[in-house]
Amino acid sequence: MICAVDSLRPGNSAGPGRDRNGVTIQLQGPGVKDKRSLQVSGIEPFHLKEIKQLNNEFPLGVDLILGGNDCQVACIPRSAAIAWEVVD
């Protein structure tokens, strides 16, 4: 699945550079080295919930490709465990 988002960058929700009105996605598991976080603006949490449900029956599921207006790209394999936090 390919999703266009407003902005995308590595990191977490802490610190002065965080995006407001976005989502911090935490990733871990097969296909993700260590634990990683992404700050994403322009994706709705219910989309992440749907993707997580689709990926519950691995190896079935979908890989997620996020493309930001800022020319950043992130590819999240279906094997990754995702969690998220809404940043207001």
PDB file of N, CA and C in Angstrom:
ATOM      1  N   MET A   1       0.851  -1.158   0.000  1.00  0.00           N
ATOM      2  CA  MET A   1       0.000   0.000   0.000  1.00  0.00           C
ATOM      3  C   MET A   1       0.902   1.227   0.000  1.00  0.00           C
ATOM      4  N   ILE A   2       0.566   2.188  -0.829  1.00  0.00           N
ATOM      5  CA  ILE A   2       1.331   3.426  -0.912  1.00  0.00           C
ATOM      6  C   ILE A   2       0.456   4.569  -0.406  1.00  0.00           C
ATOM      7  N   CYS A   3       0.988   5.356   0.529  1.00  0.00           N
ATOM      8  CA  CYS A   3       0.253   6.492   1.102  1.00  0.00           C
ATOM      9  C   CYS A   3       1.080   7.759   0.958  1.00  0.00           C
ATOM     10  N   ALA A   4       0.459   8.798   0.416  1.00  0.00           N
ATOM     11  CA  ALA A   4       1.091  10.116   0.372  1.00  0.00           C
ATOM     12  C   ALA A   4       0.796  10.820   1.687  1.00  0.00           C
ATOM     13  N   VAL A   5       1.822  11.359   2.327  1.00  0.00           N
ATOM     14  CA  VAL A   5       1.662  12.068   3.597  1.00  0.00           C
ATOM     15  C   VAL A   5       2.271  13.460   3.465  1.00  0.00           C
ATOM     16  N   ASP A   6       1.914  14.337   4.400  1.00  0.00           N
ATOM     17  CA  ASP A   6       2.419  15.712   4.356  1.00  0.00           C
ATOM     18  C   ASP A   6       3.904  15.788   4.671  1.00  0.00           C
ATOM     19  N   SER A   7       4.316  15.131   5.745  1.00  0.00           N
ATOM     20  CA  SER A   7       5.733  15.120   6.100  1.00  0.00           C
ATOM     21  C   SER A   7       6.077  13.816   6.804  1.00  0.00           C
ATOM     22  N   LEU A   8       7.341  13.486   6.736  1.00  0.00           N
ATOM     23  CA  LEU A   8       7.828  12.212   7.256  1.00  0.00           C
ATOM     24  C   LEU A   8       9.276  12.399   7.655  1.00  0.00           C
ATOM     25  N   ARG A   9       9.596  12.029   8.902  1.00  0.00           N
ATOM     26  CA  ARG A   9      10.994  12.076   9.324  1.00  0.00           C
ATOM     27  C   ARG A   9      11.239  11.089  10.453  1.00  0.00           C
ATOM     28  N   PRO A  10      12.476  10.640  10.562  1.00  0.00           N
ATOM     29  CA  PRO A  10      12.809   9.710  11.646  1.00  0.00           C
ATOM     30  C   PRO A  10      12.784  10.429  12.977  1.00  0.00           C
ATOM     31  N   GLY A  11      12.584   9.695  14.034  1.00  0.00           N
ATOM     32  CA  GLY A  11      12.627  10.268  15.374  1.00  0.00           C
ATOM     33  C   GLY A  11      11.394   9.935  16.167  1.00  0.00           C
ATOM     34  N   ASN A  12      11.255  10.589  17.299  1.00  0.00           N
ATOM     35  CA  ASN A  12      10.089  10.366  18.145  1.00  0.00           C
ATOM     36  C   ASN A  12       9.417  11.694  18.439  1.00  0.00           C
ATOM     37  N   SER A  13       8.409  11.674  19.296  1.00  0.00           N
ATOM     38  CA  SER A  13       7.612  12.877  19.536  1.00  0.00           C
ATOM     39  C   SER A  13       8.255  13.842  20.525  1.00  0.00           C
ATOM     40  N   ALA A  14       9.393  13.490  21.085  1.00  0.00           N
ATOM     41  CA  ALA A  14      10.040  14.370  22.065  1.00  0.00           C
ATOM     42  C   ALA A  14      10.912  15.402  21.353  1.00  0.00           C
ATOM     43  N   GLY A  15      11.063  16.536  21.966  1.00  0.00           N
ATOM     44  CA  GLY A  15      12.006  17.518  21.461  1.00  0.00           C
ATOM     45  C   GLY A  15      11.348  18.625  20.667  1.00  0.00           C
ATOM     46  N   PRO A  16      12.129  19.677  20.378  1.00  0.00           N
ATOM     47  CA  PRO A  16      11.580  20.863  19.733  1.00  0.00           C
ATOM     48  C   PRO A  16      11.213  20.676  18.274  1.00  0.00           C
ATOM     49  N   GLY A  17      11.752  19.665  17.591  1.00  0.00           N
ATOM     50  CA  GLY A  17      11.477  19.483  16.167  1.00  0.00           C
ATOM     51  C   GLY A  17      10.262  18.640  15.864  1.00  0.00           C
ATOM     52  N   ARG A  18       9.483  18.276  16.854  1.00  0.00           N
ATOM     53  CA  ARG A  18       8.372  17.370  16.608  1.00  0.00           C
ATOM     54  C   ARG A  18       7.262  18.045  15.808  1.00  0.00           C
ATOM     55  N   ASP A  19       6.563  17.252  15.044  1.00  0.00           N
ATOM     56  CA  ASP A  19       5.418  17.746  14.280  1.00  0.00           C
ATOM     57  C   ASP A  19       4.203  17.791  15.180  1.00  0.00           C
ATOM     58  N   ARG A  20       3.394  18.826  15.002  1.00  0.00           N
ATOM     59  CA  ARG A  20       2.108  18.883  15.696  1.00  0.00           C
ATOM     60  C   ARG A  20       1.056  18.317  14.747  1.00  0.00           C
ATOM     61  N   ASN A  21      -0.032  17.819  15.342  1.00  0.00           N
ATOM     62  CA  ASN A  21      -1.115  17.242  14.555  1.00  0.00           C
ATOM     63  C   ASN A  21      -0.615  16.127  13.646  1.00  0.00           C
ATOM     64  N   GLY A  22       0.226  15.291  14.185  1.00  0.00           N
ATOM     65  CA  GLY A  22       0.756  14.161  13.442  1.00  0.00           C
ATOM     66  C   GLY A  22       0.681  12.898  14.258  1.00  0.00           C
ATOM     67  N   VAL A  23       1.392  11.909  13.803  1.00  0.00           N
ATOM     68  CA  VAL A  23       1.424  10.608  14.459  1.00  0.00           C
ATOM     69  C   VAL A  23       2.878  10.177  14.575  1.00  0.00           C
ATOM     70  N   THR A  24       3.250   9.662  15.733  1.00  0.00           N
ATOM     71  CA  THR A  24       4.553   9.034  15.895  1.00  0.00           C
ATOM     72  C   THR A  24       4.332   7.531  15.806  1.00  0.00           C
ATOM     73  N   ILE A  25       4.974   6.903  14.837  1.00  0.00           N
ATOM     74  CA  ILE A  25       4.834   5.463  14.621  1.00  0.00           C
ATOM     75  C   ILE A  25       6.078   4.781  15.166  1.00  0.00           C
ATOM     76  N   GLN A  26       5.878   3.782  16.043  1.00  0.00           N
ATOM     77  CA  GLN A  26       6.986   2.992  16.572  1.00  0.00           C
ATOM     78  C   GLN A  26       6.999   1.647  15.839  1.00  0.00           C
ATOM     79  N   LEU A  27       8.185   1.243  15.410  1.00  0.00           N
ATOM     80  CA  LEU A  27       8.362   0.014  14.634  1.00  0.00           C
ATOM     81  C   LEU A  27       9.369  -0.894  15.299  1.00  0.00           C
ATOM     82  N   GLN A  28       9.099  -2.193  15.249  1.00  0.00           N
ATOM     83  CA  GLN A  28      10.071  -3.188  15.694  1.00  0.00           C
ATOM     84  C   GLN A  28       9.701  -4.532  15.105  1.00  0.00           C
ATOM     85  N   GLY A  29      10.630  -5.471  15.182  1.00  0.00           N
ATOM     86  CA  GLY A  29      10.359  -6.821  14.704  1.00  0.00           C
ATOM     87  C   GLY A  29      11.133  -7.139  13.438  1.00  0.00           C
ATOM     88  N   PRO A  30      10.811  -8.285  12.804  1.00  0.00           N
ATOM     89  CA  PRO A  30      11.510  -8.688  11.581  1.00  0.00           C
ATOM     90  C   PRO A  30      11.402  -7.612  10.508  1.00  0.00           C
ATOM     91  N   GLY A  31      12.508  -7.329   9.874  1.00  0.00           N
ATOM     92  CA  GLY A  31      12.533  -6.316   8.829  1.00  0.00           C
ATOM     93  C   GLY A  31      12.852  -4.921   9.330  1.00  0.00           C
ATOM     94  N   VAL A  32      12.966  -4.761  10.652  1.00  0.00           N
ATOM     95  CA  VAL A  32      13.281  -3.452  11.241  1.00  0.00           C
ATOM     96  C   VAL A  32      14.469  -3.643  12.174  1.00  0.00           C
ATOM     97  N   LYS A  33      15.565  -2.947  11.898  1.00  0.00           N
ATOM     98  CA  LYS A  33      16.744  -3.049  12.746  1.00  0.00           C
ATOM     99  C   LYS A  33      16.478  -2.324  14.061  1.00  0.00           C
ATOM    100  N   ASP A  34      16.620  -3.043  15.182  1.00  0.00           N
ATOM    101  CA  ASP A  34      16.371  -2.501  16.513  1.00  0.00           C
ATOM    102  C   ASP A  34      14.929  -1.980  16.599  1.00  0.00           C
ATOM    103  N   LYS A  35      14.737  -0.868  17.262  1.00  0.00           N
ATOM    104  CA  LYS A  35      13.439  -0.196  17.318  1.00  0.00           C
ATOM    105  C   LYS A  35      13.584   1.144  16.614  1.00  0.00           C
ATOM    106  N   ARG A  36      12.592   1.517  15.847  1.00  0.00           N
ATOM    107  CA  ARG A  36      12.632   2.773  15.100  1.00  0.00           C
ATOM    108  C   ARG A  36      11.347   3.550  15.316  1.00  0.00           C
ATOM    109  N   SER A  37      11.442   4.855  15.196  1.00  0.00           N
ATOM    110  CA  SER A  37      10.273   5.727  15.281  1.00  0.00           C
ATOM    111  C   SER A  37      10.253   6.649  14.071  1.00  0.00           C
ATOM    112  N   LEU A  38       9.047   6.969  13.622  1.00  0.00           N
ATOM    113  CA  LEU A  38       8.845   7.908  12.526  1.00  0.00           C
ATOM    114  C   LEU A  38       7.831   8.954  12.953  1.00  0.00           C
ATOM    115  N   GLN A  39       8.074  10.196  12.606  1.00  0.00           N
ATOM    116  CA  GLN A  39       7.083  11.254  12.787  1.00  0.00           C
ATOM    117  C   GLN A  39       6.399  11.450  11.444  1.00  0.00           C
ATOM    118  N   VAL A  40       5.083  11.328  11.439  1.00  0.00           N
ATOM    119  CA  VAL A  40       4.323  11.411  10.194  1.00  0.00           C
ATOM    120  C   VAL A  40       3.167  12.388  10.366  1.00  0.00           C
ATOM    121  N   SER A  41       3.067  13.353   9.465  1.00  0.00           N
ATOM    122  CA  SER A  41       1.912  14.245   9.413  1.00  0.00           C
ATOM    123  C   SER A  41       1.141  13.917   8.148  1.00  0.00           C
ATOM    124  N   GLY A  42      -0.173  13.821   8.274  1.00  0.00           N
ATOM    125  CA  GLY A  42      -0.998  13.579   7.102  1.00  0.00           C
ATOM    126  C   GLY A  42      -1.476  12.154   6.947  1.00  0.00           C
ATOM    127  N   ILE A  43      -1.402  11.357   8.007  1.00  0.00           N
ATOM    128  CA  ILE A  43      -1.967  10.011   7.985  1.00  0.00           C
ATOM    129  C   ILE A  43      -2.932   9.905   9.159  1.00  0.00           C
ATOM    130  N   GLU A  44      -4.040   9.271   8.921  1.00  0.00           N
ATOM    131  CA  GLU A  44      -5.048   9.115   9.967  1.00  0.00           C
ATOM    132  C   GLU A  44      -4.772   7.841  10.762  1.00  0.00           C
ATOM    133  N   PRO A  45      -4.893   7.894  12.086  1.00  0.00           N
ATOM    134  CA  PRO A  45      -4.653   6.705  12.900  1.00  0.00           C
ATOM    135  C   PRO A  45      -5.516   5.507  12.513  1.00  0.00           C
ATOM    136  N   PHE A  46      -6.744   5.745  12.010  1.00  0.00           N
ATOM    137  CA  PHE A  46      -7.576   4.601  11.645  1.00  0.00           C
ATOM    138  C   PHE A  46      -6.982   3.830  10.467  1.00  0.00           C
ATOM    139  N   HIS A  47      -6.194   4.488   9.596  1.00  0.00           N
ATOM    140  CA  HIS A  47      -5.504   3.765   8.528  1.00  0.00           C
ATOM    141  C   HIS A  47      -4.463   2.818   9.109  1.00  0.00           C
ATOM    142  N   LEU A  48      -3.744   3.281  10.131  1.00  0.00           N
ATOM    143  CA  LEU A  48      -2.744   2.425  10.780  1.00  0.00           C
ATOM    144  C   LEU A  48      -3.423   1.239  11.459  1.00  0.00           C
ATOM    145  N   LYS A  49      -4.574   1.472  12.065  1.00  0.00           N
ATOM    146  CA  LYS A  49      -5.321   0.389  12.711  1.00  0.00           C
ATOM    147  C   LYS A  49      -5.737  -0.667  11.680  1.00  0.00           C
ATOM    148  N   GLU A  50      -6.198  -0.232  10.518  1.00  0.00           N
ATOM    149  CA  GLU A  50      -6.599  -1.157   9.462  1.00  0.00           C
ATOM    150  C   GLU A  50      -5.402  -1.963   8.953  1.00  0.00           C
ATOM    151  N   ILE A  51      -4.263  -1.302   8.767  1.00  0.00           N
ATOM    152  CA  ILE A  51      -3.066  -1.999   8.298  1.00  0.00           C
ATOM    153  C   ILE A  51      -2.617  -3.033   9.329  1.00  0.00           C
ATOM    154  N   LYS A  52      -2.656  -2.653  10.596  1.00  0.00           N
ATOM    155  CA  LYS A  52      -2.264  -3.590  11.660  1.00  0.00           C
ATOM    156  C   LYS A  52      -3.179  -4.819  11.655  1.00  0.00           C
ATOM    157  N   GLN A  53      -4.479  -4.618  11.458  1.00  0.00           N
ATOM    158  CA  GLN A  53      -5.409  -5.746  11.398  1.00  0.00           C
ATOM    159  C   GLN A  53      -5.134  -6.627  10.182  1.00  0.00           C
ATOM    160  N   LEU A  54      -4.842  -6.018   9.039  1.00  0.00           N
ATOM    161  CA  LEU A  54      -4.528  -6.791   7.838  1.00  0.00           C
ATOM    162  C   LEU A  54      -3.275  -7.648   8.023  1.00  0.00           C
ATOM    163  N   ASN A  55      -2.327  -7.139   8.814  1.00  0.00           N
ATOM    164  CA  ASN A  55      -1.054  -7.834   8.991  1.00  0.00           C
ATOM    165  C   ASN A  55      -1.051  -8.826  10.150  1.00  0.00           C
ATOM    166  N   ASN A  56      -2.178  -9.013  10.816  1.00  0.00           N
ATOM    167  CA  ASN A  56      -2.249  -9.957  11.937  1.00  0.00           C
ATOM    168  C   ASN A  56      -2.011 -11.399  11.517  1.00  0.00           C
ATOM    169  N   GLU A  57      -2.285 -11.735  10.274  1.00  0.00           N
ATOM    170  CA  GLU A  57      -2.147 -13.117   9.817  1.00  0.00           C
ATOM    171  C   GLU A  57      -0.950 -13.268   8.895  1.00  0.00           C
ATOM    172  N   PHE A  58       0.227 -12.835   9.381  1.00  0.00           N
ATOM    173  CA  PHE A  58       1.460 -12.937   8.607  1.00  0.00           C
ATOM    174  C   PHE A  58       1.647 -14.381   8.155  1.00  0.00           C
ATOM    175  N   PRO A  59       2.003 -14.673   6.939  1.00  0.00           N
ATOM    176  CA  PRO A  59       2.626 -13.814   5.931  1.00  0.00           C
ATOM    177  C   PRO A  59       1.647 -13.026   5.073  1.00  0.00           C
ATOM    178  N   LEU A  60       0.337 -13.187   5.311  1.00  0.00           N
ATOM    179  CA  LEU A  60      -0.615 -12.341   4.604  1.00  0.00           C
ATOM    180  C   LEU A  60      -0.502 -10.919   5.127  1.00  0.00           C
ATOM    181  N   GLY A  61      -0.934  -9.957   4.349  1.00  0.00           N
ATOM    182  CA  GLY A  61      -0.903  -8.571   4.794  1.00  0.00           C
ATOM    183  C   GLY A  61      -0.364  -7.669   3.713  1.00  0.00           C
ATOM    184  N   VAL A  62      -0.044  -6.460   4.113  1.00  0.00           N
ATOM    185  CA  VAL A  62       0.438  -5.464   3.164  1.00  0.00           C
ATOM    186  C   VAL A  62       1.688  -4.776   3.700  1.00  0.00           C
ATOM    187  N   ASP A  63       2.601  -4.477   2.801  1.00  0.00           N
ATOM    188  CA  ASP A  63       3.725  -3.612   3.128  1.00  0.00           C
ATOM    189  C   ASP A  63       3.234  -2.182   2.954  1.00  0.00           C
ATOM    190  N   LEU A  64       3.755  -1.274   3.733  1.00  0.00           N
ATOM    191  CA  LEU A  64       3.327   0.118   3.682  1.00  0.00           C
ATOM    192  C   LEU A  64       4.480   0.992   3.209  1.00  0.00           C
ATOM    193  N   ILE A  65       4.220   1.787   2.181  1.00  0.00           N
ATOM    194  CA  ILE A  65       5.198   2.745   1.685  1.00  0.00           C
ATOM    195  C   ILE A  65       4.619   4.133   1.907  1.00  0.00           C
ATOM    196  N   LEU A  66       5.339   4.947   2.677  1.00  0.00           N
ATOM    197  CA  LEU A  66       4.924   6.322   2.960  1.00  0.00           C
ATOM    198  C   LEU A  66       5.802   7.266   2.159  1.00  0.00           C
ATOM    199  N   GLY A  67       5.189   8.183   1.429  1.00  0.00           N
ATOM    200  CA  GLY A  67       5.925   9.180   0.663  1.00  0.00           C
ATOM    201  C   GLY A  67       5.500  10.567   1.099  1.00  0.00           C
ATOM    202  N   GLY A  68       6.457  11.347   1.577  1.00  0.00           N
ATOM    203  CA  GLY A  68       6.153  12.683   2.078  1.00  0.00           C
ATOM    204  C   GLY A  68       6.306  13.759   1.028  1.00  0.00           C
ATOM    205  N   ASN A  69       5.572  14.852   1.204  1.00  0.00           N
ATOM    206  CA  ASN A  69       5.721  16.018   0.329  1.00  0.00           C
ATOM    207  C   ASN A  69       7.128  16.591   0.412  1.00  0.00           C
ATOM    208  N   ASP A  70       7.855  16.223   1.478  1.00  0.00           N
ATOM    209  CA  ASP A  70       9.225  16.697   1.682  1.00  0.00           C
ATOM    210  C   ASP A  70      10.252  15.753   1.047  1.00  0.00           C
ATOM    211  N   CYS A  71       9.789  14.885   0.123  1.00  0.00           N
ATOM    212  CA  CYS A  71      10.645  13.948  -0.633  1.00  0.00           C
ATOM    213  C   CYS A  71      11.265  12.855   0.232  1.00  0.00           C
ATOM    214  N   GLN A  72      10.706  12.590   1.393  1.00  0.00           N
ATOM    215  CA  GLN A  72      11.168  11.496   2.237  1.00  0.00           C
ATOM    216  C   GLN A  72      10.292  10.267   1.966  1.00  0.00           C
ATOM    217  N   VAL A  73      10.890   9.082   2.048  1.00  0.00           N
ATOM    218  CA  VAL A  73      10.168   7.836   1.806  1.00  0.00           C
ATOM    219  C   VAL A  73      10.513   6.853   2.916  1.00  0.00           C
ATOM    220  N   ALA A  74       9.508   6.121   3.399  1.00  0.00           N
ATOM    221  CA  ALA A  74       9.734   5.049   4.370  1.00  0.00           C
ATOM    222  C   ALA A  74       8.952   3.833   3.910  1.00  0.00           C
ATOM    223  N   CYS A  75       9.591   2.674   3.984  1.00  0.00           N
ATOM    224  CA  CYS A  75       8.952   1.415   3.627  1.00  0.00           C
ATOM    225  C   CYS A  75       8.856   0.565   4.895  1.00  0.00           C
ATOM    226  N   ILE A  76       7.646   0.174   5.235  1.00  0.00           N
ATOM    227  CA  ILE A  76       7.403  -0.601   6.453  1.00  0.00           C
ATOM    228  C   ILE A  76       6.940  -1.995   6.033  1.00  0.00           C
ATOM    229  N   PRO A  77       7.753  -3.021   6.320  1.00  0.00           N
ATOM    230  CA  PRO A  77       7.371  -4.375   5.913  1.00  0.00           C
ATOM    231  C   PRO A  77       6.191  -4.902   6.727  1.00  0.00           C
ATOM    232  N   ARG A  78       5.430  -5.801   6.116  1.00  0.00           N
ATOM    233  CA  ARG A  78       4.267  -6.379   6.798  1.00  0.00           C
ATOM    234  C   ARG A  78       4.652  -7.154   8.048  1.00  0.00           C
ATOM    235  N   SER A  79       5.919  -7.551   8.151  1.00  0.00           N
ATOM    236  CA  SER A  79       6.376  -8.309   9.319  1.00  0.00           C
ATOM    237  C   SER A  79       6.637  -7.430  10.539  1.00  0.00           C
ATOM    238  N   ALA A  80       6.676  -6.117  10.351  1.00  0.00           N
ATOM    239  CA  ALA A  80       6.980  -5.191  11.450  1.00  0.00           C
ATOM    240  C   ALA A  80       5.779  -5.048  12.376  1.00  0.00           C
ATOM    241  N   ALA A  81       6.070  -4.988  13.665  1.00  0.00           N
ATOM    242  CA  ALA A  81       5.042  -4.663  14.656  1.00  0.00           C
ATOM    243  C   ALA A  81       4.971  -3.157  14.754  1.00  0.00           C
ATOM    244  N   ILE A  82       3.761  -2.592  14.568  1.00  0.00           N
ATOM    245  CA  ILE A  82       3.627  -1.141  14.632  1.00  0.00           C
ATOM    246  C   ILE A  82       2.740  -0.733  15.798  1.00  0.00           C
ATOM    247  N   ALA A  83       3.097   0.394  16.377  1.00  0.00           N
ATOM    248  CA  ALA A  83       2.285   1.051  17.398  1.00  0.00           C
ATOM    249  C   ALA A  83       2.360   2.532  17.060  1.00  0.00           C
ATOM    250  N   TRP A  84       1.429   3.327  17.572  1.00  0.00           N
ATOM    251  CA  TRP A  84       1.453   4.746  17.260  1.00  0.00           C
ATOM    252  C   TRP A  84       0.894   5.573  18.379  1.00  0.00           C
ATOM    253  N   GLU A  85       1.247   6.839  18.329  1.00  0.00           N
ATOM    254  CA  GLU A  85       0.806   7.827  19.304  1.00  0.00           C
ATOM    255  C   GLU A  85       0.443   9.090  18.524  1.00  0.00           C
ATOM    256  N   VAL A  86      -0.734   9.627  18.804  1.00  0.00           N
ATOM    257  CA  VAL A  86      -1.165  10.858  18.149  1.00  0.00           C
ATOM    258  C   VAL A  86      -0.527  12.033  18.876  1.00  0.00           C
ATOM    259  N   VAL A  87       0.088  12.945  18.112  1.00  0.00           N
ATOM    260  CA  VAL A  87       0.738  14.129  18.680  1.00  0.00           C
ATOM    261  C   VAL A  87      -0.143  15.334  18.382  1.00  0.00           C
ATOM    262  N   ASP A  88      -0.640  15.975  19.447  1.00  0.00           N
ATOM    263  CA  ASP A  88      -1.510  17.149  19.272  1.00  0.00           C
ATOM    264  C   ASP A  88      -0.727  18.436  19.315  1.00  0.00           C
TER     265      ASP A  88
END
